[in-house]
Amino acid sequence: MQMDADIHVWGIGNDIMGDDGVGIFVAKMLRRLSPSNIKVRICESVPENFISKSTMKDIRKLVIVDAAQMSLPPGSMRRISPIEPQSFISTHGLSFLRLLNHSAKECELIIIGIQPAMTGFSTKLSPSVRRAARELVKMILSSRLYEIPPLTS
C-alpha cells in the first residue's frame, strides 16, 4: 500500500530560458531521487493547470520552487509569502497564486524563490543557480526549508 506524500513539490519555470528553469531542475532532481514521502510535479510555466479542488484536497504541505527577481545576488534563495506575492517578480503570472490561495486553504504553502543570473535563451543553469538548486534539494529532503530566510521588502 502506497502512503500519501508528506510534501508536494511543484517545479515552475521554462527550461530553455536559462535560470528560469531552476524550478524544473529541482523537481527533476527530486523525482530522480524518488523519496517516498515527496510527490513531485513539473508544472513548467503553467502551474495554474495543476490547481483544482480535486488536485488540492489531499495536499497538506506544498512547496513551490521558481526563479524570482528579488534584487539579490544570483543564486540567493528566499521564502516568499503567499499573502504578499507582490514582494517579488515571478517570471510567470501571479494569477496562479491567487488561484492557489483560494483552492488550498487547508494547505501549508511554502514558496521558494531563487534569484536568477540570466533568463535568456539557454538550456543550462548558471553556476550560482545550479549550486543553489542542489542545496535546496538537500534542504527539502532534510526538512530544513525554514533555514531559508524570508524575503523582506
C-alpha atoms as a PDB file:
ATOM      1  CA  MET A   1       0.000   0.000   0.000  1.00  0.00           C
ATOM      2  CA  GLN A   2       1.458   3.359  -1.033  1.00  0.00           C
ATOM      3  CA  MET A   3       1.334   6.094   1.577  1.00  0.00           C
ATOM      4  CA  ASP A   4       0.291   9.627   0.736  1.00  0.00           C
ATOM      5  CA  ALA A   5       3.099  12.082   0.239  1.00  0.00           C
ATOM      6  CA  ASP A   6       4.049  14.208   3.246  1.00  0.00           C
ATOM      7  CA  ILE A   7       5.125  17.023   0.979  1.00  0.00           C
ATOM      8  CA  HIS A   8       4.306  18.046  -2.577  1.00  0.00           C
ATOM      9  CA  VAL A   9       6.890  19.957  -4.609  1.00  0.00           C
ATOM     10  CA  TRP A  10       5.948  21.860  -7.737  1.00  0.00           C
ATOM     11  CA  GLY A  11       8.742  22.965 -10.039  1.00  0.00           C
ATOM     12  CA  ILE A  12       7.856  26.024 -12.104  1.00  0.00           C
ATOM     13  CA  GLY A  13       9.806  27.508 -14.979  1.00  0.00           C
ATOM     14  CA  ASN A  14      10.924  27.335 -18.557  1.00  0.00           C
ATOM     15  CA  ASP A  15      13.962  25.119 -19.010  1.00  0.00           C
ATOM     16  CA  ILE A  16      15.003  26.705 -22.308  1.00  0.00           C
ATOM     17  CA  MET A  17      15.295  30.144 -20.711  1.00  0.00           C
ATOM     18  CA  GLY A  18      18.398  29.636 -18.590  1.00  0.00           C
ATOM     19  CA  ASP A  19      17.896  30.146 -14.870  1.00  0.00           C
ATOM     20  CA  ASP A  20      14.138  30.423 -15.340  1.00  0.00           C
ATOM     21  CA  GLY A  21      14.242  26.608 -15.425  1.00  0.00           C
ATOM     22  CA  VAL A  22      15.523  26.272 -11.857  1.00  0.00           C
ATOM     23  CA  GLY A  23      12.164  25.064 -10.506  1.00  0.00           C
ATOM     24  CA  ILE A  24      12.076  22.310 -13.126  1.00  0.00           C
ATOM     25  CA  PHE A  25      15.701  21.396 -12.353  1.00  0.00           C
ATOM     26  CA  VAL A  26      14.879  20.981  -8.640  1.00  0.00           C
ATOM     27  CA  ALA A  27      11.760  18.932  -9.429  1.00  0.00           C
ATOM     28  CA  LYS A  28      13.671  16.624 -11.779  1.00  0.00           C
ATOM     29  CA  MET A  29      16.414  16.073  -9.189  1.00  0.00           C
ATOM     30  CA  LEU A  30      13.824  15.170  -6.567  1.00  0.00           C
ATOM     31  CA  ARG A  31      11.981  12.911  -8.990  1.00  0.00           C
ATOM     32  CA  ARG A  32      15.243  11.065  -9.783  1.00  0.00           C
ATOM     33  CA  LEU A  33      15.886  10.554  -6.082  1.00  0.00           C
ATOM     34  CA  SER A  34      12.231   9.460  -5.714  1.00  0.00           C
ATOM     35  CA  PRO A  35      11.769   9.752  -1.958  1.00  0.00           C
ATOM     36  CA  SER A  36       8.518   8.053  -0.972  1.00  0.00           C
ATOM     37  CA  ASN A  37       7.354  10.965   1.184  1.00  0.00           C
ATOM     38  CA  ILE A  38       7.622  13.558  -1.618  1.00  0.00           C
ATOM     39  CA  LYS A  39       5.349  13.913  -4.637  1.00  0.00           C
ATOM     40  CA  VAL A  40       6.844  15.985  -7.444  1.00  0.00           C
ATOM     41  CA  ARG A  41       5.102  17.876 -10.243  1.00  0.00           C
ATOM     42  CA  ILE A  42       6.838  19.590 -13.102  1.00  0.00           C
ATOM     43  CA  CYS A  43       4.465  22.459 -13.799  1.00  0.00           C
ATOM     44  CA  GLU A  44       6.663  24.271 -16.320  1.00  0.00           C
ATOM     45  CA  SER A  45       5.268  27.751 -16.957  1.00  0.00           C
ATOM     46  CA  VAL A  46       1.599  26.880 -16.367  1.00  0.00           C
ATOM     47  CA  PRO A  47       1.169  25.959 -12.680  1.00  0.00           C
ATOM     48  CA  GLU A  48      -2.455  27.112 -12.799  1.00  0.00           C
ATOM     49  CA  ASN A  49      -3.221  23.986 -14.867  1.00  0.00           C
ATOM     50  CA  PHE A  50      -2.489  21.886 -11.772  1.00  0.00           C
ATOM     51  CA  ILE A  51      -4.805  23.757  -9.418  1.00  0.00           C
ATOM     52  CA  SER A  52      -8.268  22.367  -8.816  1.00  0.00           C
ATOM     53  CA  LYS A  53     -10.230  21.390  -5.736  1.00  0.00           C
ATOM     54  CA  SER A  54      -9.709  17.700  -6.516  1.00  0.00           C
ATOM     55  CA  THR A  55      -5.953  18.179  -7.006  1.00  0.00           C
ATOM     56  CA  MET A  56      -5.552  20.222  -3.848  1.00  0.00           C
ATOM     57  CA  LYS A  57      -7.836  18.310  -1.467  1.00  0.00           C
ATOM     58  CA  ASP A  58      -5.188  15.884  -0.177  1.00  0.00           C
ATOM     59  CA  ILE A  59      -2.219  18.237  -0.183  1.00  0.00           C
ATOM     60  CA  ARG A  60      -1.223  19.310   3.314  1.00  0.00           C
ATOM     61  CA  LYS A  61       2.187  20.836   2.517  1.00  0.00           C
ATOM     62  CA  LEU A  62       3.088  22.323  -0.860  1.00  0.00           C
ATOM     63  CA  VAL A  63       6.494  23.718  -1.797  1.00  0.00           C
ATOM     64  CA  ILE A  64       6.638  25.797  -4.969  1.00  0.00           C
ATOM     65  CA  VAL A  65      10.077  26.430  -6.481  1.00  0.00           C
ATOM     66  CA  ASP A  66      10.583  29.146  -9.083  1.00  0.00           C
ATOM     67  CA  ALA A  67      13.059  31.728 -10.303  1.00  0.00           C
ATOM     68  CA  ALA A  68      12.217  35.111  -8.799  1.00  0.00           C
ATOM     69  CA  GLN A  69      13.561  38.590  -9.446  1.00  0.00           C
ATOM     70  CA  MET A  70      14.298  39.787  -5.914  1.00  0.00           C
ATOM     71  CA  SER A  71      17.206  42.210  -6.488  1.00  0.00           C
ATOM     72  CA  LEU A  72      19.588  39.834  -4.691  1.00  0.00           C
ATOM     73  CA  PRO A  73      22.849  38.196  -5.792  1.00  0.00           C
ATOM     74  CA  PRO A  74      22.309  35.320  -8.271  1.00  0.00           C
ATOM     75  CA  GLY A  75      21.599  32.029  -6.527  1.00  0.00           C
ATOM     76  CA  SER A  76      20.127  33.664  -3.415  1.00  0.00           C
ATOM     77  CA  MET A  77      17.137  31.769  -2.026  1.00  0.00           C
ATOM     78  CA  ARG A  78      14.226  33.258  -0.126  1.00  0.00           C
ATOM     79  CA  ARG A  79      10.927  32.071   1.299  1.00  0.00           C
ATOM     80  CA  ILE A  80       8.243  34.241  -0.252  1.00  0.00           C
ATOM     81  CA  SER A  81       4.990  34.970   1.491  1.00  0.00           C
ATOM     82  CA  PRO A  82       1.976  33.654  -0.428  1.00  0.00           C
ATOM     83  CA  ILE A  83      -0.010  36.501   1.133  1.00  0.00           C
ATOM     84  CA  GLU A  84       2.279  39.209  -0.261  1.00  0.00           C
ATOM     85  CA  PRO A  85       3.412  37.819  -3.624  1.00  0.00           C
ATOM     86  CA  GLN A  86       3.919  41.320  -4.998  1.00  0.00           C
ATOM     87  CA  SER A  87       7.128  41.472  -2.949  1.00  0.00           C
ATOM     88  CA  PHE A  88       8.884  39.662  -5.797  1.00  0.00           C
ATOM     89  CA  ILE A  89       8.583  39.455  -9.547  1.00  0.00           C
ATOM     90  CA  SER A  90       7.999  35.950 -10.792  1.00  0.00           C
ATOM     91  CA  THR A  91       8.941  35.143 -14.328  1.00  0.00           C
ATOM     92  CA  HIS A  92       5.353  33.843 -14.659  1.00  0.00           C
ATOM     93  CA  GLY A  93       1.971  35.382 -13.968  1.00  0.00           C
ATOM     94  CA  LEU A  94       0.760  35.806 -10.399  1.00  0.00           C
ATOM     95  CA  SER A  95      -2.738  34.550 -11.201  1.00  0.00           C
ATOM     96  CA  PHE A  96      -1.779  31.053 -10.092  1.00  0.00           C
ATOM     97  CA  LEU A  97      -1.015  32.348  -6.569  1.00  0.00           C
ATOM     98  CA  ARG A  98      -4.480  33.850  -6.321  1.00  0.00           C
ATOM     99  CA  LEU A  99      -5.986  30.570  -7.509  1.00  0.00           C
ATOM    100  CA  LEU A 100      -3.814  28.621  -5.113  1.00  0.00           C
ATOM    101  CA  ASN A 101      -4.689  30.795  -2.119  1.00  0.00           C
ATOM    102  CA  HIS A 102      -8.359  30.223  -2.953  1.00  0.00           C
ATOM    103  CA  SER A 103      -8.079  26.455  -3.575  1.00  0.00           C
ATOM    104  CA  ALA A 104      -5.568  25.467  -0.923  1.00  0.00           C
ATOM    105  CA  LYS A 105      -6.943  26.931   2.284  1.00  0.00           C
ATOM    106  CA  GLU A 106      -6.014  23.837   4.330  1.00  0.00           C
ATOM    107  CA  CYS A 107      -2.545  23.579   2.833  1.00  0.00           C
ATOM    108  CA  GLU A 108       0.761  24.849   4.240  1.00  0.00           C
ATOM    109  CA  LEU A 109       2.173  26.744   1.276  1.00  0.00           C
ATOM    110  CA  ILE A 110       5.897  27.474   1.029  1.00  0.00           C
ATOM    111  CA  ILE A 111       7.177  29.419  -1.975  1.00  0.00           C
ATOM    112  CA  ILE A 112      10.918  29.317  -2.580  1.00  0.00           C
ATOM    113  CA  GLY A 113      12.340  31.876  -4.976  1.00  0.00           C
ATOM    114  CA  ILE A 114      15.844  31.615  -6.397  1.00  0.00           C
ATOM    115  CA  GLN A 115      17.385  34.763  -7.850  1.00  0.00           C
ATOM    116  CA  PRO A 116      18.358  34.104 -11.489  1.00  0.00           C
ATOM    117  CA  ALA A 117      21.606  35.322 -13.016  1.00  0.00           C
ATOM    118  CA  MET A 118      20.281  35.161 -16.574  1.00  0.00           C
ATOM    119  CA  THR A 119      16.983  34.286 -18.202  1.00  0.00           C
ATOM    120  CA  GLY A 120      17.901  34.400 -21.870  1.00  0.00           C
ATOM    121  CA  PHE A 121      17.708  31.519 -24.305  1.00  0.00           C
ATOM    122  CA  SER A 122      19.769  28.669 -22.847  1.00  0.00           C
ATOM    123  CA  THR A 123      19.190  25.123 -21.652  1.00  0.00           C
ATOM    124  CA  LYS A 124      21.764  25.477 -18.856  1.00  0.00           C
ATOM    125  CA  LEU A 125      21.582  26.994 -15.420  1.00  0.00           C
ATOM    126  CA  SER A 126      24.247  29.460 -14.339  1.00  0.00           C
ATOM    127  CA  PRO A 127      26.742  28.014 -11.819  1.00  0.00           C
ATOM    128  CA  SER A 128      25.378  30.026  -8.860  1.00  0.00           C
ATOM    129  CA  VAL A 129      21.789  28.993  -9.552  1.00  0.00           C
ATOM    130  CA  ARG A 130      22.773  25.340 -10.090  1.00  0.00           C
ATOM    131  CA  ARG A 131      24.554  25.356  -6.703  1.00  0.00           C
ATOM    132  CA  ALA A 132      21.504  26.905  -5.042  1.00  0.00           C
ATOM    133  CA  ALA A 133      19.202  24.329  -6.659  1.00  0.00           C
ATOM    134  CA  ARG A 134      21.321  21.428  -5.387  1.00  0.00           C
ATOM    135  CA  GLU A 135      21.402  22.930  -1.908  1.00  0.00           C
ATOM    136  CA  LEU A 136      17.626  23.402  -2.000  1.00  0.00           C
ATOM    137  CA  VAL A 137      17.112  19.722  -2.873  1.00  0.00           C
ATOM    138  CA  LYS A 138      19.162  18.756   0.197  1.00  0.00           C
ATOM    139  CA  MET A 139      17.112  21.154   2.316  1.00  0.00           C
ATOM    140  CA  ILE A 140      13.821  19.714   1.036  1.00  0.00           C
ATOM    141  CA  LEU A 141      14.984  16.147   1.700  1.00  0.00           C
ATOM    142  CA  SER A 142      16.055  17.012   5.236  1.00  0.00           C
ATOM    143  CA  SER A 143      13.044  19.244   6.072  1.00  0.00           C
ATOM    144  CA  ARG A 144      15.212  22.346   6.522  1.00  0.00           C
ATOM    145  CA  LEU A 145      13.250  24.847   4.409  1.00  0.00           C
ATOM    146  CA  TYR A 146      12.781  27.195   7.335  1.00  0.00           C
ATOM    147  CA  GLU A 147      16.546  27.801   7.322  1.00  0.00           C
ATOM    148  CA  ILE A 148      15.956  29.803   4.130  1.00  0.00           C
ATOM    149  CA  PRO A 149      15.461  33.440   5.108  1.00  0.00           C
ATOM    150  CA  PRO A 150      12.160  35.114   4.308  1.00  0.00           C
ATOM    151  CA  LEU A 151      12.064  37.764   1.611  1.00  0.00           C
ATOM    152  CA  THR A 152      11.781  41.186   3.154  1.00  0.00           C
ATOM    153  CA  SER A 153      10.913  44.313   1.223  1.00  0.00           C
END
